Amino acid sequence: MADRSSTGWVNDVRGSPRIEGKLEIATSDTGIFIGGDPKGLRSLAELLAWVANVDQGCLSHMPDGERFHVHLYPEDAQGFGTLTCFSEETELCRLDAKGTGDLPRHLDERQPPRRSLKEE
C-alpha cells in the first residue's frame, strides 16, 4: 500500500461517504474499467458528488494552489471503503485549485495529449 503521508498536507475527510458494496476500478485493454454492484456504484457516485461539493476555500489546512482529492485503495477497510483486490489505487481529484480556481496547465492546450494504456 502507498505511503499516505507523502503529500505534505492531509485532506480533512471526516463525514465523507464511504465505498460500500462491491466496486472495482482497474485498467483494461480498452481503457479504464469501473464496475460494481448497484450499492458500490451508488456509493462511488455519492463520493464523487461529495468531492465536487467540498468548499476548498474553507479548508484552512490546505494551502492555496492545492486541489482537494481522495485516494481509494484496494482492500482498504480503514479509508474510504474497500475496492476489490483486483482494483488499482485510484485518486479522485478536483481540477480547480484552491484560492485561484486555476486548472492544470495541460488543460489549456488546444490538443489534449492522447496516450494509450499499452504505452505504459
PDB file of N, CA and C in Angstrom:
ATOM      1  N   MET A   1       0.843  -1.183   0.000  1.00  0.00           N
ATOM      2  CA  MET A   1       0.000   0.000   0.000  1.00  0.00           C
ATOM      3  C   MET A   1       0.885   1.242   0.000  1.00  0.00           C
ATOM      4  N   ALA A   2       0.454   2.298  -0.658  1.00  0.00           N
ATOM      5  CA  ALA A   2       1.236   3.525  -0.787  1.00  0.00           C
ATOM      6  C   ALA A   2       1.348   4.262   0.543  1.00  0.00           C
ATOM      7  N   ASP A   3       2.418   5.047   0.672  1.00  0.00           N
ATOM      8  CA  ASP A   3       2.601   5.888   1.836  1.00  0.00           C
ATOM      9  C   ASP A   3       1.662   7.071   1.731  1.00  0.00           C
ATOM     10  N   ARG A   4       0.728   7.170   2.648  1.00  0.00           N
ATOM     11  CA  ARG A   4      -0.296   8.214   2.571  1.00  0.00           C
ATOM     12  C   ARG A   4       0.148   9.528   3.190  1.00  0.00           C
ATOM     13  N   SER A   5       1.327   9.590   3.766  1.00  0.00           N
ATOM     14  CA  SER A   5       1.779  10.814   4.425  1.00  0.00           C
ATOM     15  C   SER A   5       2.735  11.624   3.565  1.00  0.00           C
ATOM     16  N   SER A   6       2.887  11.288   2.310  1.00  0.00           N
ATOM     17  CA  SER A   6       3.907  11.916   1.477  1.00  0.00           C
ATOM     18  C   SER A   6       3.465  13.214   0.803  1.00  0.00           C
ATOM     19  N   THR A   7       2.234  13.630   0.957  1.00  0.00           N
ATOM     20  CA  THR A   7       1.759  14.801   0.226  1.00  0.00           C
ATOM     21  C   THR A   7       2.088  16.124   0.903  1.00  0.00           C
ATOM     22  N   GLY A   8       2.452  16.121   2.184  1.00  0.00           N
ATOM     23  CA  GLY A   8       2.756  17.370   2.864  1.00  0.00           C
ATOM     24  C   GLY A   8       1.554  17.977   3.567  1.00  0.00           C
ATOM     25  N   TRP A   9       0.390  17.668   3.173  1.00  0.00           N
ATOM     26  CA  TRP A   9      -0.835  18.091   3.850  1.00  0.00           C
ATOM     27  C   TRP A   9      -1.857  16.976   3.694  1.00  0.00           C
ATOM     28  N   VAL A  10      -2.804  16.941   4.593  1.00  0.00           N
ATOM     29  CA  VAL A  10      -3.779  15.849   4.610  1.00  0.00           C
ATOM     30  C   VAL A  10      -5.175  16.434   4.489  1.00  0.00           C
ATOM     31  N   ASN A  11      -5.970  15.872   3.591  1.00  0.00           N
ATOM     32  CA  ASN A  11      -7.357  16.301   3.451  1.00  0.00           C
ATOM     33  C   ASN A  11      -8.147  15.955   4.701  1.00  0.00           C
ATOM     34  N   ASP A  12      -9.065  16.812   5.082  1.00  0.00           N
ATOM     35  CA  ASP A  12      -9.990  16.525   6.170  1.00  0.00           C
ATOM     36  C   ASP A  12     -11.185  15.822   5.536  1.00  0.00           C
ATOM     37  N   VAL A  13     -11.304  14.554   5.761  1.00  0.00           N
ATOM     38  CA  VAL A  13     -12.336  13.771   5.096  1.00  0.00           C
ATOM     39  C   VAL A  13     -13.396  13.260   6.067  1.00  0.00           C
ATOM     40  N   ARG A  14     -13.452  13.874   7.251  1.00  0.00           N
ATOM     41  CA  ARG A  14     -14.496  13.479   8.197  1.00  0.00           C
ATOM     42  C   ARG A  14     -15.865  13.727   7.575  1.00  0.00           C
ATOM     43  N   GLY A  15     -16.753  12.787   7.750  1.00  0.00           N
ATOM     44  CA  GLY A  15     -18.095  12.937   7.216  1.00  0.00           C
ATOM     45  C   GLY A  15     -18.231  12.558   5.754  1.00  0.00           C
ATOM     46  N   SER A  16     -17.146  12.057   5.146  1.00  0.00           N
ATOM     47  CA  SER A  16     -17.227  11.695   3.732  1.00  0.00           C
ATOM     48  C   SER A  16     -17.997  10.397   3.558  1.00  0.00           C
ATOM     49  N   PRO A  17     -18.636  10.243   2.410  1.00  0.00           N
ATOM     50  CA  PRO A  17     -19.266   8.951   2.104  1.00  0.00           C
ATOM     51  C   PRO A  17     -18.179   7.887   1.957  1.00  0.00           C
ATOM     52  N   ARG A  18     -18.539   6.647   2.203  1.00  0.00           N
ATOM     53  CA  ARG A  18     -17.619   5.528   2.050  1.00  0.00           C
ATOM     54  C   ARG A  18     -18.066   4.656   0.886  1.00  0.00           C
ATOM     55  N   ILE A  19     -17.107   3.958   0.305  1.00  0.00           N
ATOM     56  CA  ILE A  19     -17.451   2.976  -0.719  1.00  0.00           C
ATOM     57  C   ILE A  19     -18.080   1.782  -0.010  1.00  0.00           C
ATOM     58  N   GLU A  20     -19.249   1.425  -0.448  1.00  0.00           N
ATOM     59  CA  GLU A  20     -19.950   0.275   0.110  1.00  0.00           C
ATOM     60  C   GLU A  20     -20.263  -0.676  -1.025  1.00  0.00           C
ATOM     61  N   GLY A  21     -20.649  -1.875  -0.687  1.00  0.00           N
ATOM     62  CA  GLY A  21     -20.922  -2.858  -1.726  1.00  0.00           C
ATOM     63  C   GLY A  21     -19.623  -3.267  -2.390  1.00  0.00           C
ATOM     64  N   LYS A  22     -19.708  -3.683  -3.629  1.00  0.00           N
ATOM     65  CA  LYS A  22     -18.538  -4.116  -4.400  1.00  0.00           C
ATOM     66  C   LYS A  22     -18.238  -3.087  -5.472  1.00  0.00           C
ATOM     67  N   LEU A  23     -16.981  -2.647  -5.538  1.00  0.00           N
ATOM     68  CA  LEU A  23     -16.569  -1.673  -6.540  1.00  0.00           C
ATOM     69  C   LEU A  23     -15.172  -2.035  -7.019  1.00  0.00           C
ATOM     70  N   GLU A  24     -15.000  -2.060  -8.329  1.00  0.00           N
ATOM     71  CA  GLU A  24     -13.700  -2.342  -8.925  1.00  0.00           C
ATOM     72  C   GLU A  24     -13.351  -1.233  -9.893  1.00  0.00           C
ATOM     73  N   ILE A  25     -12.108  -0.728  -9.773  1.00  0.00           N
ATOM     74  CA  ILE A  25     -11.560   0.255 -10.699  1.00  0.00           C
ATOM     75  C   ILE A  25     -10.224  -0.299 -11.154  1.00  0.00           C
ATOM     76  N   ALA A  26     -10.117  -0.603 -12.441  1.00  0.00           N
ATOM     77  CA  ALA A  26      -8.914  -1.261 -12.954  1.00  0.00           C
ATOM     78  C   ALA A  26      -8.656  -0.827 -14.390  1.00  0.00           C
ATOM     79  N   THR A  27      -7.448  -1.094 -14.860  1.00  0.00           N
ATOM     80  CA  THR A  27      -7.140  -0.845 -16.260  1.00  0.00           C
ATOM     81  C   THR A  27      -7.485  -2.090 -17.061  1.00  0.00           C
ATOM     82  N   SER A  28      -7.843  -1.860 -18.320  1.00  0.00           N
ATOM     83  CA  SER A  28      -8.146  -2.967 -19.221  1.00  0.00           C
ATOM     84  C   SER A  28      -7.467  -2.685 -20.558  1.00  0.00           C
ATOM     85  N   ASP A  29      -7.597  -3.590 -21.486  1.00  0.00           N
ATOM     86  CA  ASP A  29      -7.009  -3.384 -22.815  1.00  0.00           C
ATOM     87  C   ASP A  29      -7.637  -2.205 -23.542  1.00  0.00           C
ATOM     88  N   THR A  30      -8.835  -1.824 -23.177  1.00  0.00           N
ATOM     89  CA  THR A  30      -9.536  -0.759 -23.885  1.00  0.00           C
ATOM     90  C   THR A  30      -9.630   0.545 -23.094  1.00  0.00           C
ATOM     91  N   GLY A  31      -9.069   0.598 -21.878  1.00  0.00           N
ATOM     92  CA  GLY A  31      -9.140   1.828 -21.099  1.00  0.00           C
ATOM     93  C   GLY A  31      -9.250   1.549 -19.617  1.00  0.00           C
ATOM     94  N   ILE A  32     -10.048   2.343 -18.967  1.00  0.00           N
ATOM     95  CA  ILE A  32     -10.272   2.198 -17.532  1.00  0.00           C
ATOM     96  C   ILE A  32     -11.604   1.484 -17.330  1.00  0.00           C
ATOM     97  N   PHE A  33     -11.595   0.474 -16.473  1.00  0.00           N
ATOM     98  CA  PHE A  33     -12.803  -0.274 -16.159  1.00  0.00           C
ATOM     99  C   PHE A  33     -13.296   0.153 -14.783  1.00  0.00           C
ATOM    100  N   ILE A  34     -14.559   0.560 -14.706  1.00  0.00           N
ATOM    101  CA  ILE A  34     -15.215   0.852 -13.428  1.00  0.00           C
ATOM    102  C   ILE A  34     -16.463  -0.002 -13.400  1.00  0.00           C
ATOM    103  N   GLY A  35     -16.522  -0.892 -12.435  1.00  0.00           N
ATOM    104  CA  GLY A  35     -17.670  -1.783 -12.336  1.00  0.00           C
ATOM    105  C   GLY A  35     -18.007  -2.046 -10.889  1.00  0.00           C
ATOM    106  N   GLY A  36     -19.238  -2.399 -10.664  1.00  0.00           N
ATOM    107  CA  GLY A  36     -19.633  -2.711  -9.304  1.00  0.00           C
ATOM    108  C   GLY A  36     -21.071  -3.143  -9.231  1.00  0.00           C
ATOM    109  N   ASP A  37     -21.451  -3.588  -8.041  1.00  0.00           N
ATOM    110  CA  ASP A  37     -22.857  -3.868  -7.831  1.00  0.00           C
ATOM    111  C   ASP A  37     -23.573  -2.524  -7.637  1.00  0.00           C
ATOM    112  N   PRO A  38     -24.909  -2.498  -7.643  1.00  0.00           N
ATOM    113  CA  PRO A  38     -25.614  -1.215  -7.530  1.00  0.00           C
ATOM    114  C   PRO A  38     -25.197  -0.397  -6.305  1.00  0.00           C
ATOM    115  N   LYS A  39     -24.988  -1.044  -5.163  1.00  0.00           N
ATOM    116  CA  LYS A  39     -24.595  -0.322  -3.951  1.00  0.00           C
ATOM    117  C   LYS A  39     -23.206   0.304  -4.122  1.00  0.00           C
ATOM    118  N   GLY A  40     -22.282  -0.441  -4.736  1.00  0.00           N
ATOM    119  CA  GLY A  40     -20.933   0.075  -4.961  1.00  0.00           C
ATOM    120  C   GLY A  40     -20.924   1.255  -5.913  1.00  0.00           C
ATOM    121  N   LEU A  41     -21.660   1.158  -7.008  1.00  0.00           N
ATOM    122  CA  LEU A  41     -21.704   2.257  -7.981  1.00  0.00           C
ATOM    123  C   LEU A  41     -22.384   3.489  -7.396  1.00  0.00           C
ATOM    124  N   ARG A  42     -23.458   3.294  -6.627  1.00  0.00           N
ATOM    125  CA  ARG A  42     -24.117   4.443  -5.982  1.00  0.00           C
ATOM    126  C   ARG A  42     -23.192   5.109  -4.969  1.00  0.00           C
ATOM    127  N   SER A  43     -22.432   4.322  -4.216  1.00  0.00           N
ATOM    128  CA  SER A  43     -21.539   4.923  -3.220  1.00  0.00           C
ATOM    129  C   SER A  43     -20.404   5.691  -3.906  1.00  0.00           C
ATOM    130  N   LEU A  44     -19.923   5.217  -5.059  1.00  0.00           N
ATOM    131  CA  LEU A  44     -18.919   5.971  -5.821  1.00  0.00           C
ATOM    132  C   LEU A  44     -19.516   7.291  -6.295  1.00  0.00           C
ATOM    133  N   ALA A  45     -20.750   7.256  -6.770  1.00  0.00           N
ATOM    134  CA  ALA A  45     -21.415   8.487  -7.211  1.00  0.00           C
ATOM    135  C   ALA A  45     -21.557   9.474  -6.050  1.00  0.00           C
ATOM    136  N   GLU A  46     -21.882   8.988  -4.868  1.00  0.00           N
ATOM    137  CA  GLU A  46     -22.001   9.858  -3.695  1.00  0.00           C
ATOM    138  C   GLU A  46     -20.652  10.458  -3.321  1.00  0.00           C
ATOM    139  N   LEU A  47     -19.590   9.646  -3.393  1.00  0.00           N
ATOM    140  CA  LEU A  47     -18.252  10.152  -3.064  1.00  0.00           C
ATOM    141  C   LEU A  47     -17.802  11.192  -4.087  1.00  0.00           C
ATOM    142  N   LEU A  48     -18.070  10.958  -5.374  1.00  0.00           N
ATOM    143  CA  LEU A  48     -17.727  11.942  -6.405  1.00  0.00           C
ATOM    144  C   LEU A  48     -18.471  13.259  -6.183  1.00  0.00           C
ATOM    145  N   ALA A  49     -19.760  13.186  -5.860  1.00  0.00           N
ATOM    146  CA  ALA A  49     -20.540  14.402  -5.594  1.00  0.00           C
ATOM    147  C   ALA A  49     -19.995  15.122  -4.367  1.00  0.00           C
ATOM    148  N   TRP A  50     -19.593  14.373  -3.357  1.00  0.00           N
ATOM    149  CA  TRP A  50     -19.039  14.973  -2.145  1.00  0.00           C
ATOM    150  C   TRP A  50     -17.750  15.730  -2.465  1.00  0.00           C
ATOM    151  N   VAL A  51     -16.851  15.123  -3.251  1.00  0.00           N
ATOM    152  CA  VAL A  51     -15.604  15.788  -3.644  1.00  0.00           C
ATOM    153  C   VAL A  51     -15.915  17.046  -4.449  1.00  0.00           C
ATOM    154  N   ALA A  52     -16.890  16.960  -5.351  1.00  0.00           N
ATOM    155  CA  ALA A  52     -17.259  18.116  -6.173  1.00  0.00           C
ATOM    156  C   ALA A  52     -17.821  19.259  -5.334  1.00  0.00           C
ATOM    157  N   ASN A  53     -18.471  18.946  -4.232  1.00  0.00           N
ATOM    158  CA  ASN A  53     -19.127  19.964  -3.416  1.00  0.00           C
ATOM    159  C   ASN A  53     -18.284  20.495  -2.263  1.00  0.00           C
ATOM    160  N   VAL A  54     -17.090  19.965  -2.045  1.00  0.00           N
ATOM    161  CA  VAL A  54     -16.229  20.454  -0.971  1.00  0.00           C
ATOM    162  C   VAL A  54     -15.905  21.928  -1.224  1.00  0.00           C
ATOM    163  N   ASP A  55     -16.060  22.765  -0.194  1.00  0.00           N
ATOM    164  CA  ASP A  55     -15.699  24.175  -0.289  1.00  0.00           C
ATOM    165  C   ASP A  55     -14.214  24.292   0.047  1.00  0.00           C
ATOM    166  N   GLN A  56     -13.377  24.275  -0.984  1.00  0.00           N
ATOM    167  CA  GLN A  56     -11.931  24.304  -0.771  1.00  0.00           C
ATOM    168  C   GLN A  56     -11.483  25.555  -0.014  1.00  0.00           C
ATOM    169  N   GLY A  57     -12.189  26.647  -0.197  1.00  0.00           N
ATOM    170  CA  GLY A  57     -11.826  27.896   0.473  1.00  0.00           C
ATOM    171  C   GLY A  57     -11.938  27.828   1.977  1.00  0.00           C
ATOM    172  N   CYS A  58     -12.752  26.942   2.488  1.00  0.00           N
ATOM    173  CA  CYS A  58     -12.931  26.798   3.936  1.00  0.00           C
ATOM    174  C   CYS A  58     -11.927  25.833   4.560  1.00  0.00           C
ATOM    175  N   LEU A  59     -11.075  25.227   3.761  1.00  0.00           N
ATOM    176  CA  LEU A  59     -10.114  24.255   4.278  1.00  0.00           C
ATOM    177  C   LEU A  59      -8.826  24.980   4.651  1.00  0.00           C
ATOM    178  N   SER A  60      -8.751  25.455   5.901  1.00  0.00           N
ATOM    179  CA  SER A  60      -7.607  26.272   6.334  1.00  0.00           C
ATOM    180  C   SER A  60      -6.300  25.490   6.324  1.00  0.00           C
ATOM    181  N   HIS A  61      -6.352  24.188   6.460  1.00  0.00           N
ATOM    182  CA  HIS A  61      -5.135  23.370   6.473  1.00  0.00           C
ATOM    183  C   HIS A  61      -4.577  23.124   5.072  1.00  0.00           C
ATOM    184  N   MET A  62      -5.370  23.429   4.044  1.00  0.00           N
ATOM    185  CA  MET A  62      -4.962  23.155   2.667  1.00  0.00           C
ATOM    186  C   MET A  62      -4.383  24.432   2.057  1.00  0.00           C
ATOM    187  N   PRO A  63      -3.137  24.390   1.583  1.00  0.00           N
ATOM    188  CA  PRO A  63      -2.515  25.596   1.007  1.00  0.00           C
ATOM    189  C   PRO A  63      -3.211  26.043  -0.283  1.00  0.00           C
ATOM    190  N   ASP A  64      -3.178  27.343  -0.538  1.00  0.00           N
ATOM    191  CA  ASP A  64      -3.678  27.849  -1.815  1.00  0.00           C
ATOM    192  C   ASP A  64      -2.892  27.189  -2.944  1.00  0.00           C
ATOM    193  N   GLY A  65      -3.582  26.925  -4.039  1.00  0.00           N
ATOM    194  CA  GLY A  65      -2.964  26.295  -5.197  1.00  0.00           C
ATOM    195  C   GLY A  65      -3.075  24.781  -5.192  1.00  0.00           C
ATOM    196  N   GLU A  66      -3.410  24.198  -4.055  1.00  0.00           N
ATOM    197  CA  GLU A  66      -3.596  22.741  -3.985  1.00  0.00           C
ATOM    198  C   GLU A  66      -5.002  22.380  -4.433  1.00  0.00           C
ATOM    199  N   ARG A  67      -5.205  21.110  -4.686  1.00  0.00           N
ATOM    200  CA  ARG A  67      -6.505  20.610  -5.141  1.00  0.00           C
ATOM    201  C   ARG A  67      -6.981  19.512  -4.201  1.00  0.00           C
ATOM    202  N   PHE A  68      -8.236  19.627  -3.771  1.00  0.00           N
ATOM    203  CA  PHE A  68      -8.798  18.619  -2.872  1.00  0.00           C
ATOM    204  C   PHE A  68      -8.863  17.282  -3.604  1.00  0.00           C
ATOM    205  N   HIS A  69      -8.497  16.222  -2.916  1.00  0.00           N
ATOM    206  CA  HIS A  69      -8.519  14.898  -3.530  1.00  0.00           C
ATOM    207  C   HIS A  69      -8.649  13.827  -2.464  1.00  0.00           C
ATOM    208  N   VAL A  70      -9.045  12.662  -2.885  1.00  0.00           N
ATOM    209  CA  VAL A  70      -9.094  11.485  -2.017  1.00  0.00           C
ATOM    210  C   VAL A  70      -8.474  10.323  -2.774  1.00  0.00           C
ATOM    211  N   HIS A  71      -7.910   9.395  -2.035  1.00  0.00           N
ATOM    212  CA  HIS A  71      -7.319   8.191  -2.605  1.00  0.00           C
ATOM    213  C   HIS A  71      -8.168   6.988  -2.225  1.00  0.00           C
ATOM    214  N   LEU A  72      -8.389   6.122  -3.175  1.00  0.00           N
ATOM    215  CA  LEU A  72      -9.076   4.859  -2.940  1.00  0.00           C
ATOM    216  C   LEU A  72      -8.069   3.740  -3.151  1.00  0.00           C
ATOM    217  N   TYR A  73      -8.059   2.784  -2.245  1.00  0.00           N
ATOM    218  CA  TYR A  73      -7.097   1.696  -2.296  1.00  0.00           C
ATOM    219  C   TYR A  73      -7.826   0.356  -2.323  1.00  0.00           C
ATOM    220  N   PRO A  74      -7.236  -0.639  -2.974  1.00  0.00           N
ATOM    221  CA  PRO A  74      -7.799  -1.985  -2.914  1.00  0.00           C
ATOM    222  C   PRO A  74      -7.762  -2.507  -1.473  1.00  0.00           C
ATOM    223  N   GLU A  75      -8.829  -3.150  -1.087  1.00  0.00           N
ATOM    224  CA  GLU A  75      -8.933  -3.792   0.232  1.00  0.00           C
ATOM    225  C   GLU A  75      -8.549  -2.864   1.373  1.00  0.00           C
ATOM    226  N   ASP A  76      -9.059  -1.632   1.368  1.00  0.00           N
ATOM    227  CA  ASP A  76      -8.745  -0.620   2.377  1.00  0.00           C
ATOM    228  C   ASP A  76      -9.959  -0.387   3.270  1.00  0.00           C
ATOM    229  N   ALA A  77     -10.137  -1.206   4.253  1.00  0.00           N
ATOM    230  CA  ALA A  77     -11.290  -1.074   5.134  1.00  0.00           C
ATOM    231  C   ALA A  77     -11.180   0.135   6.056  1.00  0.00           C
ATOM    232  N   GLN A  78      -9.974   0.683   6.246  1.00  0.00           N
ATOM    233  CA  GLN A  78      -9.782   1.813   7.149  1.00  0.00           C
ATOM    234  C   GLN A  78     -10.047   3.162   6.491  1.00  0.00           C
ATOM    235  N   GLY A  79      -9.968   3.240   5.175  1.00  0.00           N
ATOM    236  CA  GLY A  79     -10.097   4.513   4.481  1.00  0.00           C
ATOM    237  C   GLY A  79     -11.524   4.774   4.034  1.00  0.00           C
ATOM    238  N   PHE A  80     -11.691   4.976   2.737  1.00  0.00           N
ATOM    239  CA  PHE A  80     -12.995   5.315   2.192  1.00  0.00           C
ATOM    240  C   PHE A  80     -13.851   4.094   1.909  1.00  0.00           C
ATOM    241  N   GLY A  81     -13.333   2.946   2.182  1.00  0.00           N
ATOM    242  CA  GLY A  81     -14.052   1.715   1.898  1.00  0.00           C
ATOM    243  C   GLY A  81     -13.211   0.860   0.977  1.00  0.00           C
ATOM    244  N   THR A  82     -13.668  -0.320   0.742  1.00  0.00           N
ATOM    245  CA  THR A  82     -12.859  -1.298   0.061  1.00  0.00           C
ATOM    246  C   THR A  82     -13.182  -1.391  -1.423  1.00  0.00           C
ATOM    247  N   LEU A  83     -12.154  -1.194  -2.255  1.00  0.00           N
ATOM    248  CA  LEU A  83     -12.236  -1.581  -3.654  1.00  0.00           C
ATOM    249  C   LEU A  83     -11.865  -3.058  -3.701  1.00  0.00           C
ATOM    250  N   THR A  84     -12.231  -3.745  -4.763  1.00  0.00           N
ATOM    251  CA  THR A  84     -11.862  -5.154  -4.867  1.00  0.00           C
ATOM    252  C   THR A  84     -10.349  -5.301  -4.924  1.00  0.00           C
ATOM    253  N   CYS A  85      -9.863  -6.487  -4.644  1.00  0.00           N
ATOM    254  CA  CYS A  85      -8.419  -6.744  -4.670  1.00  0.00           C
ATOM    255  C   CYS A  85      -7.848  -6.628  -6.078  1.00  0.00           C
ATOM    256  N   PHE A  86      -8.694  -6.631  -7.097  1.00  0.00           N
ATOM    257  CA  PHE A  86      -8.245  -6.505  -8.488  1.00  0.00           C
ATOM    258  C   PHE A  86      -8.133  -5.042  -8.920  1.00  0.00           C
ATOM    259  N   SER A  87      -8.503  -4.128  -8.057  1.00  0.00           N
ATOM    260  CA  SER A  87      -8.525  -2.707  -8.391  1.00  0.00           C
ATOM    261  C   SER A  87      -7.142  -2.087  -8.348  1.00  0.00           C
ATOM    262  N   GLU A  88      -7.039  -0.933  -9.002  1.00  0.00           N
ATOM    263  CA  GLU A  88      -5.843  -0.109  -8.968  1.00  0.00           C
ATOM    264  C   GLU A  88      -6.052   0.995  -7.933  1.00  0.00           C
ATOM    265  N   GLU A  89      -4.959   1.441  -7.295  1.00  0.00           N
ATOM    266  CA  GLU A  89      -5.066   2.623  -6.452  1.00  0.00           C
ATOM    267  C   GLU A  89      -5.614   3.745  -7.324  1.00  0.00           C
ATOM    268  N   THR A  90      -6.585   4.492  -6.819  1.00  0.00           N
ATOM    269  CA  THR A  90      -7.291   5.495  -7.617  1.00  0.00           C
ATOM    270  C   THR A  90      -7.358   6.813  -6.854  1.00  0.00           C
ATOM    271  N   GLU A  91      -7.136   7.907  -7.551  1.00  0.00           N
ATOM    272  CA  GLU A  91      -7.253   9.231  -6.950  1.00  0.00           C
ATOM    273  C   GLU A  91      -8.425   9.958  -7.593  1.00  0.00           C
ATOM    274  N   LEU A  92      -9.312  10.479  -6.755  1.00  0.00           N
ATOM    275  CA  LEU A  92     -10.404  11.343  -7.212  1.00  0.00           C
ATOM    276  C   LEU A  92      -9.985  12.757  -6.844  1.00  0.00           C
ATOM    277  N   CYS A  93      -9.914  13.658  -7.823  1.00  0.00           N
ATOM    278  CA  CYS A  93      -9.310  14.958  -7.569  1.00  0.00           C
ATOM    279  C   CYS A  93     -10.100  16.081  -8.231  1.00  0.00           C
ATOM    280  N   ARG A  94     -10.215  17.195  -7.513  1.00  0.00           N
ATOM    281  CA  ARG A  94     -10.731  18.420  -8.097  1.00  0.00           C
ATOM    282  C   ARG A  94      -9.650  18.994  -9.005  1.00  0.00           C
ATOM    283  N   LEU A  95     -10.026  19.533 -10.138  1.00  0.00           N
ATOM    284  CA  LEU A  95      -9.048  20.153 -11.026  1.00  0.00           C
ATOM    285  C   LEU A  95      -8.855  21.639 -10.725  1.00  0.00           C
ATOM    286  N   ASP A  96      -9.838  22.264 -10.093  1.00  0.00           N
ATOM    287  CA  ASP A  96      -9.718  23.686  -9.771  1.00  0.00           C
ATOM    288  C   ASP A  96      -8.911  23.857  -8.487  1.00  0.00           C
ATOM    289  N   ALA A  97      -7.898  24.724  -8.541  1.00  0.00           N
ATOM    290  CA  ALA A  97      -7.008  24.936  -7.400  1.00  0.00           C
ATOM    291  C   ALA A  97      -7.652  25.851  -6.368  1.00  0.00           C
ATOM    292  N   LYS A  98      -7.385  25.549  -5.092  1.00  0.00           N
ATOM    293  CA  LYS A  98      -7.892  26.390  -4.011  1.00  0.00           C
ATOM    294  C   LYS A  98      -7.315  27.799  -4.143  1.00  0.00           C
ATOM    295  N   GLY A  99      -8.151  28.785  -3.932  1.00  0.00           N
ATOM    296  CA  GLY A  99      -7.703  30.173  -3.913  1.00  0.00           C
ATOM    297  C   GLY A  99      -7.641  30.836  -5.264  1.00  0.00           C
ATOM    298  N   THR A 100      -7.339  30.075  -6.314  1.00  0.00           N
ATOM    299  CA  THR A 100      -7.192  30.678  -7.641  1.00  0.00           C
ATOM    300  C   THR A 100      -8.214  30.146  -8.634  1.00  0.00           C
ATOM    301  N   GLY A 101      -8.659  28.915  -8.435  1.00  0.00           N
ATOM    302  CA  GLY A 101      -9.551  28.287  -9.403  1.00  0.00           C
ATOM    303  C   GLY A 101      -8.830  27.831 -10.659  1.00  0.00           C
ATOM    304  N   ASP A 102      -7.496  28.005 -10.676  1.00  0.00           N
ATOM    305  CA  ASP A 102      -6.718  27.620 -11.856  1.00  0.00           C
ATOM    306  C   ASP A 102      -6.847  26.128 -12.125  1.00  0.00           C
ATOM    307  N   LEU A 103      -6.875  25.797 -13.399  1.00  0.00           N
ATOM    308  CA  LEU A 103      -6.871  24.404 -13.834  1.00  0.00           C
ATOM    309  C   LEU A 103      -5.443  24.016 -14.185  1.00  0.00           C
ATOM    310  N   PRO A 104      -5.117  22.740 -14.178  1.00  0.00           N
ATOM    311  CA  PRO A 104      -3.774  22.322 -14.582  1.00  0.00           C
ATOM    312  C   PRO A 104      -3.442  22.848 -15.974  1.00  0.00           C
ATOM    313  N   ARG A 105      -2.168  23.209 -16.174  1.00  0.00           N
ATOM    314  CA  ARG A 105      -1.733  23.815 -17.445  1.00  0.00           C
ATOM    315  C   ARG A 105      -2.075  22.976 -18.657  1.00  0.00           C
ATOM    316  N   HIS A 106      -1.973  21.667 -18.546  1.00  0.00           N
ATOM    317  CA  HIS A 106      -2.226  20.841 -19.730  1.00  0.00           C
ATOM    318  C   HIS A 106      -3.659  20.974 -20.232  1.00  0.00           C
ATOM    319  N   LEU A 107      -4.580  21.446 -19.395  1.00  0.00           N
ATOM    320  CA  LEU A 107      -5.965  21.627 -19.849  1.00  0.00           C
ATOM    321  C   LEU A 107      -6.131  22.869 -20.716  1.00  0.00           C
ATOM    322  N   ASP A 108      -5.138  23.759 -20.698  1.00  0.00           N
ATOM    323  CA  ASP A 108      -5.187  24.961 -21.529  1.00  0.00           C
ATOM    324  C   ASP A 108      -4.725  24.699 -22.958  1.00  0.00           C
ATOM    325  N   GLU A 109      -4.088  23.570 -23.194  1.00  0.00           N
ATOM    326  CA  GLU A 109      -3.594  23.259 -24.531  1.00  0.00           C
ATOM    327  C   GLU A 109      -4.763  22.928 -25.453  1.00  0.00           C
ATOM    328  N   ARG A 110      -4.603  23.257 -26.732  1.00  0.00           N
ATOM    329  CA  ARG A 110      -5.687  23.008 -27.691  1.00  0.00           C
ATOM    330  C   ARG A 110      -5.904  21.524 -27.935  1.00  0.00           C
ATOM    331  N   GLN A 111      -4.846  20.754 -28.054  1.00  0.00           N
ATOM    332  CA  GLN A 111      -4.963  19.321 -28.297  1.00  0.00           C
ATOM    333  C   GLN A 111      -4.529  18.573 -27.045  1.00  0.00           C
ATOM    334  N   PRO A 112      -5.438  17.924 -26.353  1.00  0.00           N
ATOM    335  CA  PRO A 112      -5.035  17.176 -25.164  1.00  0.00           C
ATOM    336  C   PRO A 112      -4.103  16.034 -25.546  1.00  0.00           C
ATOM    337  N   PRO A 113      -3.121  15.741 -24.691  1.00  0.00           N
ATOM    338  CA  PRO A 113      -2.233  14.628 -25.001  1.00  0.00           C
ATOM    339  C   PRO A 113      -3.028  13.335 -25.023  1.00  0.00           C
ATOM    340  N   ARG A 114      -2.798  12.540 -26.013  1.00  0.00           N
ATOM    341  CA  ARG A 114      -3.510  11.281 -26.134  1.00  0.00           C
ATOM    342  C   ARG A 114      -2.506  10.171 -25.909  1.00  0.00           C
ATOM    343  N   ARG A 115      -2.769   9.321 -24.956  1.00  0.00           N
ATOM    344  CA  ARG A 115      -1.853   8.215 -24.707  1.00  0.00           C
ATOM    345  C   ARG A 115      -2.631   6.937 -24.578  1.00  0.00           C
ATOM    346  N   SER A 116      -1.986   5.918 -24.905  1.00  0.00           N
ATOM    347  CA  SER A 116      -2.581   4.592 -24.856  1.00  0.00           C
ATOM    348  C   SER A 116      -2.151   3.903 -23.578  1.00  0.00           C
ATOM    349  N   LEU A 117      -3.030   3.135 -22.981  1.00  0.00           N
ATOM    350  CA  LEU A 117      -2.657   2.362 -21.820  1.00  0.00           C
ATOM    351  C   LEU A 117      -1.574   1.347 -22.153  1.00  0.00           C
ATOM    352  N   LYS A 118      -1.502   0.953 -23.415  1.00  0.00           N
ATOM    353  CA  LYS A 118      -0.499  -0.006 -23.838  1.00  0.00           C
ATOM    354  C   LYS A 118       0.904   0.594 -23.831  1.00  0.00           C
ATOM    355  N   GLU A 119       1.011   1.943 -23.849  1.00  0.00           N
ATOM    356  CA  GLU A 119       2.307   2.604 -23.837  1.00  0.00           C
ATOM    357  C   GLU A 119       2.967   2.533 -22.463  1.00  0.00           C
ATOM    358  N   GLU A 120       2.204   2.280 -21.413  1.00  0.00           N
ATOM    359  CA  GLU A 120       2.742   2.285 -20.051  1.00  0.00           C
ATOM    360  C   GLU A 120       3.484   1.033 -19.708  1.00  0.00           C
TER     361      GLU A 120
END
